[in-house]
Amino acid sequence: MTTKKPVNKKDEIKDVQPIRSLEKIEDMKWALKRQSERDYIMFLLGINTGLRVSDLLNLKLKDVKGKKKLTVKEGKTEKKRDIQLTNIYEELNAYIKTLEGTEWLFPSRKGEKPISRIQAYRALNKASDTVDMPDGIGTHTMRKTFGYWYYKKSKDVAKLQMILNHSHPEITLKYIGITDEEIEDSLNDFVL
């Protein structure tokens, strides 16, 4: 009988970082898809929407089936947020067609409930071990990866702050791992 490693929520949030390499994101997708279509779609949805894992796991089939946009009432903030699914619509709906006898988007193999946060954590860590990802992978990695890449592409911290429901831009930058060094590096090429 193996001993289960406890997940300390405080440590997980403190230690996890976004995935800063597109190659590593692709590696994770590959490993998760080999592991389970459910785990792959959870990761894909997480990194493309920025939803917290608790909100991802609470999604039901009726919430997303055939939809290119959904409105989620976030559990932590209780704020409503519109989520665009157009970029992952085809893969999401192909996965939904494989599900039978469940109302949950990410059903557990045991019982009639979605997978737990712990199960999601284990799935991500198993995949990260397969592709030799550094330590620090957790359920928040998906949300932080979304935030990091949204910021890298848009450079709009104000919009990202609103998307993530943070109270201050500084919190958002710290959350997604934008360090002083990265900010300084971005100024190296700045000239008027």
N, C-alpha and C. Protein backbone atom coordinates (compact mmCIF):
# COMPACT_ATOMS: atom_id res chain seq x y z
N MET A 1 0.84 -1.18 0.00
CA MET A 1 0.00 0.00 0.00
C MET A 1 0.89 1.24 0.00
N THR A 2 0.64 2.16 -0.92
CA THR A 2 1.47 3.36 -1.00
C THR A 2 0.89 4.47 -0.13
N THR A 3 1.78 5.30 0.36
CA THR A 3 1.36 6.43 1.17
C THR A 3 1.06 7.60 0.25
N LYS A 4 -0.07 8.22 0.44
CA LYS A 4 -0.44 9.36 -0.39
C LYS A 4 0.21 10.62 0.15
N LYS A 5 0.80 11.38 -0.76
CA LYS A 5 1.46 12.61 -0.39
C LYS A 5 0.41 13.70 -0.18
N PRO A 6 0.37 14.32 1.00
CA PRO A 6 -0.63 15.36 1.23
C PRO A 6 -0.32 16.60 0.41
N VAL A 7 -1.37 17.28 0.00
CA VAL A 7 -1.22 18.52 -0.74
C VAL A 7 -1.51 19.67 0.21
N ASN A 8 -0.50 20.49 0.45
CA ASN A 8 -0.66 21.65 1.29
C ASN A 8 -1.03 22.82 0.40
N LYS A 9 -2.28 23.27 0.47
CA LYS A 9 -2.80 24.31 -0.41
C LYS A 9 -1.94 25.57 -0.35
N LYS A 10 -1.55 25.98 0.83
CA LYS A 10 -0.76 27.20 0.97
C LYS A 10 0.58 27.06 0.24
N ASP A 11 1.27 25.93 0.44
CA ASP A 11 2.55 25.72 -0.21
C ASP A 11 2.39 25.61 -1.72
N GLU A 12 1.31 24.95 -2.16
CA GLU A 12 1.11 24.76 -3.60
C GLU A 12 0.99 26.11 -4.30
N ILE A 13 0.18 27.01 -3.76
CA ILE A 13 -0.03 28.31 -4.39
C ILE A 13 1.26 29.13 -4.34
N LYS A 14 1.99 29.04 -3.25
CA LYS A 14 3.22 29.82 -3.10
C LYS A 14 4.29 29.35 -4.06
N ASP A 15 4.43 28.05 -4.26
CA ASP A 15 5.55 27.49 -4.99
C ASP A 15 5.34 27.35 -6.50
N VAL A 16 4.11 27.18 -6.95
CA VAL A 16 3.92 26.90 -8.38
C VAL A 16 4.16 28.13 -9.23
N GLN A 17 4.65 27.87 -10.40
CA GLN A 17 4.94 28.92 -11.36
C GLN A 17 4.20 28.62 -12.67
N PRO A 18 4.05 29.64 -13.51
CA PRO A 18 3.48 29.36 -14.83
C PRO A 18 4.48 28.57 -15.67
N ILE A 19 3.99 27.93 -16.70
CA ILE A 19 4.89 27.27 -17.65
C ILE A 19 5.29 28.34 -18.65
N ARG A 20 6.56 28.70 -18.64
CA ARG A 20 7.07 29.83 -19.43
C ARG A 20 7.62 29.42 -20.79
N SER A 21 7.51 28.16 -21.14
CA SER A 21 8.02 27.67 -22.41
C SER A 21 6.88 27.04 -23.21
N LEU A 22 6.70 27.49 -24.45
CA LEU A 22 5.67 26.90 -25.31
C LEU A 22 5.97 25.44 -25.58
N GLU A 23 7.26 25.10 -25.64
CA GLU A 23 7.65 23.71 -25.85
C GLU A 23 7.21 22.84 -24.66
N LYS A 24 7.38 23.35 -23.45
CA LYS A 24 6.98 22.60 -22.26
C LYS A 24 5.45 22.48 -22.18
N ILE A 25 4.73 23.50 -22.65
CA ILE A 25 3.27 23.41 -22.69
C ILE A 25 2.87 22.27 -23.64
N GLU A 26 3.51 22.21 -24.80
CA GLU A 26 3.22 21.14 -25.76
C GLU A 26 3.60 19.78 -25.18
N ASP A 27 4.72 19.72 -24.45
CA ASP A 27 5.12 18.47 -23.80
C ASP A 27 4.05 18.03 -22.80
N MET A 28 3.54 18.97 -22.01
CA MET A 28 2.50 18.64 -21.03
C MET A 28 1.23 18.15 -21.73
N LYS A 29 0.85 18.81 -22.82
CA LYS A 29 -0.33 18.37 -23.57
C LYS A 29 -0.14 16.93 -24.05
N TRP A 30 1.03 16.65 -24.60
CA TRP A 30 1.33 15.30 -25.09
C TRP A 30 1.22 14.28 -23.97
N ALA A 31 1.86 14.58 -22.83
CA ALA A 31 1.86 13.63 -21.71
C ALA A 31 0.45 13.43 -21.15
N LEU A 32 -0.30 14.51 -21.04
CA LEU A 32 -1.66 14.41 -20.50
C LEU A 32 -2.58 13.64 -21.45
N LYS A 33 -2.41 13.87 -22.75
CA LYS A 33 -3.25 13.17 -23.73
C LYS A 33 -2.96 11.67 -23.68
N ARG A 34 -1.70 11.28 -23.51
CA ARG A 34 -1.34 9.87 -23.38
C ARG A 34 -1.93 9.27 -22.11
N GLN A 35 -1.99 10.08 -21.08
CA GLN A 35 -2.48 9.66 -19.77
C GLN A 35 -3.99 9.48 -19.78
N SER A 36 -4.69 10.52 -20.27
CA SER A 36 -6.15 10.50 -20.25
C SER A 36 -6.69 11.71 -21.01
N GLU A 37 -7.67 11.49 -21.85
CA GLU A 37 -8.28 12.60 -22.59
C GLU A 37 -8.90 13.60 -21.61
N ARG A 38 -9.48 13.10 -20.53
CA ARG A 38 -10.08 13.97 -19.51
C ARG A 38 -9.04 14.92 -18.95
N ASP A 39 -7.88 14.40 -18.57
CA ASP A 39 -6.82 15.22 -17.99
C ASP A 39 -6.28 16.23 -19.00
N TYR A 40 -6.17 15.80 -20.25
CA TYR A 40 -5.71 16.69 -21.32
C TYR A 40 -6.68 17.85 -21.51
N ILE A 41 -7.96 17.56 -21.58
CA ILE A 41 -8.97 18.62 -21.79
C ILE A 41 -9.02 19.55 -20.58
N MET A 42 -8.86 19.01 -19.38
CA MET A 42 -8.82 19.86 -18.18
C MET A 42 -7.68 20.87 -18.29
N PHE A 43 -6.50 20.40 -18.68
CA PHE A 43 -5.33 21.25 -18.84
C PHE A 43 -5.57 22.27 -19.95
N LEU A 44 -6.07 21.81 -21.08
CA LEU A 44 -6.33 22.68 -22.22
C LEU A 44 -7.31 23.80 -21.84
N LEU A 45 -8.38 23.43 -21.16
CA LEU A 45 -9.37 24.41 -20.72
C LEU A 45 -8.76 25.36 -19.68
N GLY A 46 -7.96 24.81 -18.78
CA GLY A 46 -7.34 25.62 -17.73
C GLY A 46 -6.38 26.67 -18.28
N ILE A 47 -5.51 26.27 -19.22
CA ILE A 47 -4.52 27.22 -19.74
C ILE A 47 -5.11 28.18 -20.76
N ASN A 48 -6.29 27.88 -21.27
CA ASN A 48 -6.91 28.77 -22.26
C ASN A 48 -8.01 29.66 -21.68
N THR A 49 -8.41 29.42 -20.44
CA THR A 49 -9.46 30.24 -19.83
C THR A 49 -9.01 30.96 -18.57
N GLY A 50 -8.03 30.44 -17.87
CA GLY A 50 -7.60 31.04 -16.62
C GLY A 50 -8.55 30.78 -15.46
N LEU A 51 -9.45 29.83 -15.62
CA LEU A 51 -10.35 29.50 -14.52
C LEU A 51 -9.58 28.80 -13.40
N ARG A 52 -10.01 29.02 -12.18
CA ARG A 52 -9.45 28.28 -11.05
C ARG A 52 -9.86 26.81 -11.21
N VAL A 53 -9.03 25.92 -10.67
CA VAL A 53 -9.30 24.49 -10.81
C VAL A 53 -10.65 24.13 -10.20
N SER A 54 -11.02 24.75 -9.10
CA SER A 54 -12.32 24.45 -8.47
C SER A 54 -13.47 24.79 -9.42
N ASP A 55 -13.34 25.88 -10.18
CA ASP A 55 -14.38 26.25 -11.13
C ASP A 55 -14.36 25.32 -12.34
N LEU A 56 -13.19 24.89 -12.77
CA LEU A 56 -13.09 23.92 -13.88
C LEU A 56 -13.79 22.61 -13.51
N LEU A 57 -13.48 22.12 -12.31
CA LEU A 57 -14.00 20.82 -11.90
C LEU A 57 -15.49 20.83 -11.65
N ASN A 58 -16.06 22.00 -11.41
CA ASN A 58 -17.50 22.10 -11.19
C ASN A 58 -18.31 22.25 -12.47
N LEU A 59 -17.63 22.30 -13.62
CA LEU A 59 -18.35 22.43 -14.89
C LEU A 59 -19.10 21.14 -15.21
N LYS A 60 -20.31 21.33 -15.71
CA LYS A 60 -21.13 20.19 -16.15
C LYS A 60 -21.20 20.20 -17.67
N LEU A 61 -21.55 19.06 -18.23
CA LEU A 61 -21.66 18.95 -19.68
C LEU A 61 -22.59 20.02 -20.25
N LYS A 62 -23.74 20.22 -19.58
CA LYS A 62 -24.72 21.19 -20.08
C LYS A 62 -24.18 22.62 -20.11
N ASP A 63 -23.14 22.89 -19.29
CA ASP A 63 -22.54 24.23 -19.25
C ASP A 63 -21.76 24.55 -20.52
N VAL A 64 -21.16 23.52 -21.14
CA VAL A 64 -20.24 23.77 -22.25
C VAL A 64 -20.61 23.10 -23.57
N LYS A 65 -21.44 22.08 -23.54
CA LYS A 65 -21.74 21.31 -24.76
C LYS A 65 -22.33 22.21 -25.84
N GLY A 66 -21.62 22.25 -26.98
CA GLY A 66 -22.08 23.02 -28.13
C GLY A 66 -21.97 24.52 -27.98
N LYS A 67 -21.30 24.99 -26.95
CA LYS A 67 -21.21 26.44 -26.70
C LYS A 67 -19.82 26.96 -27.03
N LYS A 68 -19.80 28.17 -27.59
CA LYS A 68 -18.54 28.84 -27.87
C LYS A 68 -18.24 29.91 -26.82
N LYS A 69 -19.20 30.10 -25.93
CA LYS A 69 -19.04 31.08 -24.85
C LYS A 69 -19.88 30.61 -23.67
N LEU A 70 -19.35 30.74 -22.47
CA LEU A 70 -20.14 30.42 -21.30
C LEU A 70 -19.90 31.46 -20.22
N THR A 71 -20.84 31.57 -19.33
CA THR A 71 -20.71 32.46 -18.19
C THR A 71 -20.55 31.62 -16.95
N VAL A 72 -19.50 31.92 -16.19
CA VAL A 72 -19.19 31.17 -14.98
C VAL A 72 -19.28 32.11 -13.80
N LYS A 73 -19.94 31.66 -12.74
CA LYS A 73 -19.92 32.41 -11.48
C LYS A 73 -18.77 31.80 -10.69
N GLU A 74 -17.69 32.57 -10.57
CA GLU A 74 -16.50 32.04 -9.92
C GLU A 74 -16.76 31.76 -8.44
N GLY A 75 -16.32 30.59 -8.01
CA GLY A 75 -16.58 30.15 -6.64
C GLY A 75 -15.93 31.03 -5.59
N LYS A 76 -14.69 31.43 -5.82
CA LYS A 76 -13.96 32.19 -4.81
C LYS A 76 -14.47 33.63 -4.68
N THR A 77 -14.68 34.29 -5.83
CA THR A 77 -15.07 35.70 -5.80
C THR A 77 -16.58 35.90 -5.92
N GLU A 78 -17.28 34.85 -6.38
CA GLU A 78 -18.72 34.91 -6.66
C GLU A 78 -19.06 35.93 -7.75
N LYS A 79 -18.05 36.32 -8.54
CA LYS A 79 -18.27 37.24 -9.66
C LYS A 79 -18.52 36.43 -10.91
N LYS A 80 -19.36 36.96 -11.81
CA LYS A 80 -19.62 36.30 -13.08
C LYS A 80 -18.53 36.69 -14.07
N ARG A 81 -18.17 35.71 -14.89
CA ARG A 81 -17.13 35.94 -15.89
C ARG A 81 -17.50 35.21 -17.17
N ASP A 82 -17.40 35.92 -18.28
CA ASP A 82 -17.64 35.31 -19.59
C ASP A 82 -16.37 34.64 -20.06
N ILE A 83 -16.52 33.42 -20.54
CA ILE A 83 -15.39 32.61 -21.00
C ILE A 83 -15.59 32.29 -22.47
N GLN A 84 -14.60 32.61 -23.29
CA GLN A 84 -14.63 32.27 -24.71
C GLN A 84 -14.06 30.87 -24.91
N LEU A 85 -14.77 30.05 -25.66
CA LEU A 85 -14.33 28.68 -25.92
C LEU A 85 -14.01 28.45 -27.40
N THR A 86 -14.08 29.48 -28.21
CA THR A 86 -13.90 29.31 -29.65
C THR A 86 -12.54 28.70 -30.00
N ASN A 87 -11.50 29.04 -29.24
CA ASN A 87 -10.16 28.54 -29.57
C ASN A 87 -9.97 27.05 -29.27
N ILE A 88 -10.84 26.47 -28.44
CA ILE A 88 -10.73 25.04 -28.10
C ILE A 88 -12.06 24.31 -28.33
N TYR A 89 -12.98 24.94 -29.02
CA TYR A 89 -14.34 24.43 -29.23
C TYR A 89 -14.35 23.01 -29.81
N GLU A 90 -13.60 22.79 -30.88
CA GLU A 90 -13.62 21.49 -31.58
C GLU A 90 -13.12 20.37 -30.67
N GLU A 91 -11.98 20.58 -30.02
CA GLU A 91 -11.42 19.54 -29.15
C GLU A 91 -12.32 19.28 -27.95
N LEU A 92 -12.87 20.33 -27.39
CA LEU A 92 -13.75 20.21 -26.22
C LEU A 92 -14.99 19.40 -26.56
N ASN A 93 -15.61 19.70 -27.68
CA ASN A 93 -16.84 18.99 -28.05
C ASN A 93 -16.58 17.57 -28.55
N ALA A 94 -15.42 17.32 -29.13
CA ALA A 94 -15.06 15.94 -29.50
C ALA A 94 -14.91 15.10 -28.22
N TYR A 95 -14.33 15.68 -27.19
CA TYR A 95 -14.18 15.00 -25.89
C TYR A 95 -15.55 14.75 -25.27
N ILE A 96 -16.42 15.74 -25.32
CA ILE A 96 -17.76 15.62 -24.72
C ILE A 96 -18.53 14.44 -25.33
N LYS A 97 -18.34 14.22 -26.63
CA LYS A 97 -19.02 13.10 -27.31
C LYS A 97 -18.60 11.74 -26.77
N THR A 98 -17.43 11.68 -26.12
CA THR A 98 -16.95 10.41 -25.58
C THR A 98 -17.51 10.12 -24.19
N LEU A 99 -18.15 11.09 -23.58
CA LEU A 99 -18.65 10.92 -22.21
C LEU A 99 -20.06 10.34 -22.21
N GLU A 100 -20.26 9.35 -21.38
CA GLU A 100 -21.57 8.72 -21.25
C GLU A 100 -21.89 8.53 -19.78
N GLY A 101 -23.14 8.71 -19.41
CA GLY A 101 -23.59 8.41 -18.06
C GLY A 101 -23.09 9.35 -16.98
N THR A 102 -22.78 10.57 -17.34
CA THR A 102 -22.32 11.54 -16.35
C THR A 102 -22.85 12.92 -16.71
N GLU A 103 -22.99 13.75 -15.72
CA GLU A 103 -23.36 15.14 -15.97
C GLU A 103 -22.13 16.05 -15.90
N TRP A 104 -21.00 15.49 -15.42
CA TRP A 104 -19.79 16.28 -15.18
C TRP A 104 -18.87 16.30 -16.39
N LEU A 105 -18.21 17.43 -16.60
CA LEU A 105 -17.25 17.55 -17.68
C LEU A 105 -15.99 16.74 -17.37
N PHE A 106 -15.62 16.70 -16.09
CA PHE A 106 -14.43 15.93 -15.68
C PHE A 106 -14.84 14.91 -14.62
N PRO A 107 -15.51 13.84 -15.08
CA PRO A 107 -16.06 12.87 -14.13
C PRO A 107 -14.99 12.01 -13.48
N SER A 108 -15.24 11.67 -12.24
CA SER A 108 -14.40 10.73 -11.52
C SER A 108 -14.79 9.33 -11.98
N ARG A 109 -13.83 8.42 -11.93
CA ARG A 109 -14.14 7.04 -12.27
C ARG A 109 -14.90 6.36 -11.14
N LYS A 110 -14.86 6.98 -9.97
CA LYS A 110 -15.55 6.44 -8.79
C LYS A 110 -16.76 7.31 -8.46
N GLY A 111 -17.91 6.77 -8.62
CA GLY A 111 -19.11 7.50 -8.23
C GLY A 111 -19.60 8.49 -9.26
N GLU A 112 -20.50 9.33 -8.85
CA GLU A 112 -21.15 10.27 -9.75
C GLU A 112 -20.77 11.71 -9.43
N LYS A 113 -19.48 11.92 -9.27
CA LYS A 113 -18.97 13.24 -8.95
C LYS A 113 -17.85 13.60 -9.91
N PRO A 114 -17.44 14.87 -9.94
CA PRO A 114 -16.27 15.22 -10.75
C PRO A 114 -15.00 14.77 -10.01
N ILE A 115 -13.88 14.78 -10.71
CA ILE A 115 -12.63 14.47 -10.04
C ILE A 115 -12.38 15.54 -8.97
N SER A 116 -11.61 15.18 -8.00
CA SER A 116 -11.29 16.12 -6.92
C SER A 116 -10.09 16.97 -7.29
N ARG A 117 -9.89 18.01 -6.53
CA ARG A 117 -8.72 18.88 -6.71
C ARG A 117 -7.43 18.06 -6.55
N ILE A 118 -7.45 17.13 -5.62
CA ILE A 118 -6.28 16.27 -5.39
C ILE A 118 -6.02 15.39 -6.61
N GLN A 119 -7.09 14.84 -7.20
CA GLN A 119 -6.92 14.02 -8.42
C GLN A 119 -6.35 14.87 -9.55
N ALA A 120 -6.83 16.10 -9.69
CA ALA A 120 -6.32 17.01 -10.73
C ALA A 120 -4.83 17.27 -10.49
N TYR A 121 -4.48 17.53 -9.24
CA TYR A 121 -3.09 17.78 -8.86
C TYR A 121 -2.21 16.58 -9.23
N ARG A 122 -2.68 15.38 -8.90
CA ARG A 122 -1.90 14.17 -9.19
C ARG A 122 -1.74 13.96 -10.69
N ALA A 123 -2.80 14.22 -11.46
CA ALA A 123 -2.73 14.06 -12.92
C ALA A 123 -1.68 15.00 -13.51
N LEU A 124 -1.68 16.25 -13.07
CA LEU A 124 -0.72 17.23 -13.58
C LEU A 124 0.71 16.84 -13.19
N ASN A 125 0.88 16.38 -11.97
CA ASN A 125 2.22 15.99 -11.52
C ASN A 125 2.72 14.74 -12.21
N LYS A 126 1.84 13.79 -12.47
CA LYS A 126 2.24 12.58 -13.19
C LYS A 126 2.73 12.96 -14.59
N ALA A 127 2.00 13.84 -15.26
CA ALA A 127 2.40 14.27 -16.60
C ALA A 127 3.70 15.07 -16.54
N SER A 128 3.84 15.91 -15.54
CA SER A 128 5.06 16.72 -15.44
C SER A 128 6.28 15.84 -15.18
N ASP A 129 6.11 14.75 -14.45
CA ASP A 129 7.20 13.80 -14.23
C ASP A 129 7.59 13.12 -15.54
N THR A 130 6.58 12.80 -16.36
CA THR A 130 6.82 12.14 -17.65
C THR A 130 7.69 13.00 -18.56
N VAL A 131 7.48 14.33 -18.52
CA VAL A 131 8.20 15.23 -19.44
C VAL A 131 9.32 16.00 -18.73
N ASP A 132 9.70 15.54 -17.56
CA ASP A 132 10.80 16.15 -16.81
C ASP A 132 10.63 17.65 -16.56
N MET A 133 9.43 18.00 -16.13
CA MET A 133 9.18 19.39 -15.75
C MET A 133 9.82 19.63 -14.39
N PRO A 134 10.26 20.86 -14.15
CA PRO A 134 10.83 21.14 -12.83
C PRO A 134 9.74 21.11 -11.76
N ASP A 135 10.17 21.05 -10.51
CA ASP A 135 9.22 21.07 -9.39
C ASP A 135 8.38 22.34 -9.45
N GLY A 136 7.28 22.32 -8.76
CA GLY A 136 6.45 23.51 -8.71
C GLY A 136 5.21 23.43 -9.59
N ILE A 137 4.85 22.23 -10.06
CA ILE A 137 3.64 22.07 -10.85
C ILE A 137 2.49 21.79 -9.88
N GLY A 138 1.40 22.49 -10.08
CA GLY A 138 0.22 22.27 -9.25
C GLY A 138 -1.02 22.68 -10.01
N THR A 139 -2.14 22.65 -9.34
CA THR A 139 -3.38 22.99 -10.02
C THR A 139 -3.41 24.47 -10.43
N HIS A 140 -2.73 25.31 -9.69
CA HIS A 140 -2.69 26.74 -10.03
C HIS A 140 -1.78 27.01 -11.24
N THR A 141 -0.97 26.04 -11.62
CA THR A 141 -0.09 26.21 -12.77
C THR A 141 -0.89 26.57 -14.02
N MET A 142 -2.06 25.96 -14.19
CA MET A 142 -2.86 26.22 -15.38
C MET A 142 -3.30 27.69 -15.43
N ARG A 143 -3.83 28.20 -14.34
CA ARG A 143 -4.30 29.58 -14.27
C ARG A 143 -3.14 30.56 -14.42
N LYS A 144 -2.02 30.25 -13.78
CA LYS A 144 -0.86 31.13 -13.88
C LYS A 144 -0.27 31.12 -15.29
N THR A 145 -0.30 29.95 -15.93
CA THR A 145 0.19 29.86 -17.31
C THR A 145 -0.68 30.69 -18.24
N PHE A 146 -2.00 30.60 -18.07
CA PHE A 146 -2.90 31.45 -18.85
C PHE A 146 -2.52 32.92 -18.66
N GLY A 147 -2.39 33.35 -17.40
CA GLY A 147 -2.09 34.75 -17.10
C GLY A 147 -0.76 35.18 -17.67
N TYR A 148 0.25 34.34 -17.54
CA TYR A 148 1.59 34.66 -18.03
C TYR A 148 1.56 34.89 -19.54
N TRP A 149 0.96 33.94 -20.27
CA TRP A 149 0.96 34.05 -21.73
C TRP A 149 0.01 35.13 -22.24
N TYR A 150 -1.09 35.36 -21.54
CA TYR A 150 -1.97 36.47 -21.91
C TYR A 150 -1.21 37.78 -21.79
N TYR A 151 -0.48 37.93 -20.69
CA TYR A 151 0.30 39.16 -20.49
C TYR A 151 1.42 39.28 -21.52
N LYS A 152 2.12 38.16 -21.79
CA LYS A 152 3.22 38.21 -22.77
C LYS A 152 2.72 38.63 -24.15
N LYS A 153 1.52 38.19 -24.51
CA LYS A 153 0.97 38.51 -25.84
C LYS A 153 0.32 39.89 -25.89
N SER A 154 -0.36 40.28 -24.81
CA SER A 154 -1.12 41.53 -24.85
C SER A 154 -0.41 42.70 -24.18
N LYS A 155 0.46 42.42 -23.22
CA LYS A 155 1.12 43.45 -22.38
C LYS A 155 0.09 44.31 -21.66
N ASP A 156 -1.11 43.80 -21.50
CA ASP A 156 -2.20 44.57 -20.87
C ASP A 156 -2.50 44.02 -19.48
N VAL A 157 -1.78 44.54 -18.50
CA VAL A 157 -1.94 44.05 -17.13
C VAL A 157 -3.29 44.46 -16.56
N ALA A 158 -3.84 45.58 -17.02
CA ALA A 158 -5.14 46.04 -16.50
C ALA A 158 -6.25 45.06 -16.89
N LYS A 159 -6.27 44.62 -18.15
CA LYS A 159 -7.28 43.64 -18.58
C LYS A 159 -7.08 42.31 -17.87
N LEU A 160 -5.82 41.88 -17.76
CA LEU A 160 -5.54 40.62 -17.09
C LEU A 160 -5.97 40.68 -15.62
N GLN A 161 -5.72 41.80 -14.98
CA GLN A 161 -6.15 42.00 -13.60
C GLN A 161 -7.66 41.81 -13.48
N MET A 162 -8.40 42.35 -14.45
CA MET A 162 -9.86 42.20 -14.44
C MET A 162 -10.25 40.74 -14.70
N ILE A 163 -9.60 40.09 -15.64
CA ILE A 163 -9.91 38.70 -15.95
C ILE A 163 -9.69 37.81 -14.73
N LEU A 164 -8.58 38.03 -14.03
CA LEU A 164 -8.24 37.19 -12.88
C LEU A 164 -8.90 37.68 -11.59
N ASN A 165 -9.61 38.79 -11.67
CA ASN A 165 -10.28 39.37 -10.50
C ASN A 165 -9.31 39.70 -9.36
N HIS A 166 -8.19 40.30 -9.71
CA HIS A 166 -7.24 40.74 -8.71
C HIS A 166 -7.52 42.20 -8.35
N SER A 167 -7.12 42.60 -7.16
CA SER A 167 -7.42 43.96 -6.69
C SER A 167 -6.40 45.00 -7.15
N HIS A 168 -5.23 44.57 -7.60
CA HIS A 168 -4.18 45.53 -7.97
C HIS A 168 -3.28 44.91 -9.04
N PRO A 169 -2.79 45.73 -10.01
CA PRO A 169 -1.90 45.20 -11.06
C PRO A 169 -0.65 44.53 -10.50
N GLU A 170 -0.12 45.06 -9.41
CA GLU A 170 1.08 44.48 -8.81
C GLU A 170 0.84 43.04 -8.36
N ILE A 171 -0.35 42.78 -7.84
CA ILE A 171 -0.72 41.43 -7.42
C ILE A 171 -0.74 40.51 -8.64
N THR A 172 -1.30 41.01 -9.74
CA THR A 172 -1.39 40.22 -10.96
C THR A 172 0.00 39.88 -11.49
N LEU A 173 0.89 40.86 -11.56
CA LEU A 173 2.24 40.61 -12.06
C LEU A 173 2.99 39.62 -11.18
N LYS A 174 2.85 39.76 -9.87
CA LYS A 174 3.51 38.83 -8.95
C LYS A 174 2.91 37.43 -9.12
N TYR A 175 1.60 37.35 -9.25
CA TYR A 175 0.89 36.08 -9.39
C TYR A 175 1.37 35.30 -10.61
N ILE A 176 1.56 35.98 -11.74
CA ILE A 176 1.96 35.29 -12.97
C ILE A 176 3.47 35.17 -13.10
N GLY A 177 4.21 35.66 -12.10
CA GLY A 177 5.65 35.45 -12.07
C GLY A 177 6.44 36.41 -12.93
N ILE A 178 5.89 37.59 -13.18
CA ILE A 178 6.66 38.60 -13.89
C ILE A 178 7.55 39.28 -12.86
N THR A 179 8.84 39.02 -12.97
CA THR A 179 9.78 39.49 -11.97
C THR A 179 10.37 40.84 -12.35
N ASP A 180 11.03 41.47 -11.39
CA ASP A 180 11.71 42.74 -11.65
C ASP A 180 12.73 42.60 -12.77
N GLU A 181 13.41 41.44 -12.80
CA GLU A 181 14.40 41.20 -13.84
C GLU A 181 13.77 41.20 -15.23
N GLU A 182 12.60 40.56 -15.35
CA GLU A 182 11.91 40.53 -16.64
C GLU A 182 11.46 41.92 -17.06
N ILE A 183 11.01 42.70 -16.08
CA ILE A 183 10.59 44.07 -16.38
C ILE A 183 11.80 44.88 -16.83
N GLU A 184 12.92 44.72 -16.12
CA GLU A 184 14.15 45.42 -16.48
C GLU A 184 14.61 45.02 -17.88
N ASP A 185 14.56 43.71 -18.18
CA ASP A 185 14.95 43.23 -19.51
C ASP A 185 14.08 43.83 -20.60
N SER A 186 12.79 44.02 -20.32
CA SER A 186 11.91 44.60 -21.33
C SER A 186 12.24 46.06 -21.61
N LEU A 187 12.91 46.70 -20.68
CA LEU A 187 13.29 48.10 -20.87
C LEU A 187 14.59 48.26 -21.63
N ASN A 188 15.35 47.18 -21.79
CA ASN A 188 16.63 47.25 -22.49
C ASN A 188 16.49 47.74 -23.93
N ASP A 189 15.42 47.34 -24.60
CA ASP A 189 15.21 47.73 -26.00
C ASP A 189 14.32 48.96 -26.14
N PHE A 190 13.91 49.52 -25.04
CA PHE A 190 13.00 50.67 -25.10
C PHE A 190 13.78 51.94 -25.41
N VAL A 191 13.35 52.64 -26.46
CA VAL A 191 13.96 53.92 -26.82
C VAL A 191 12.92 54.78 -27.50
N LEU A 192 13.00 56.06 -27.25
CA LEU A 192 12.09 57.02 -27.89
C LEU A 192 12.83 57.86 -28.89
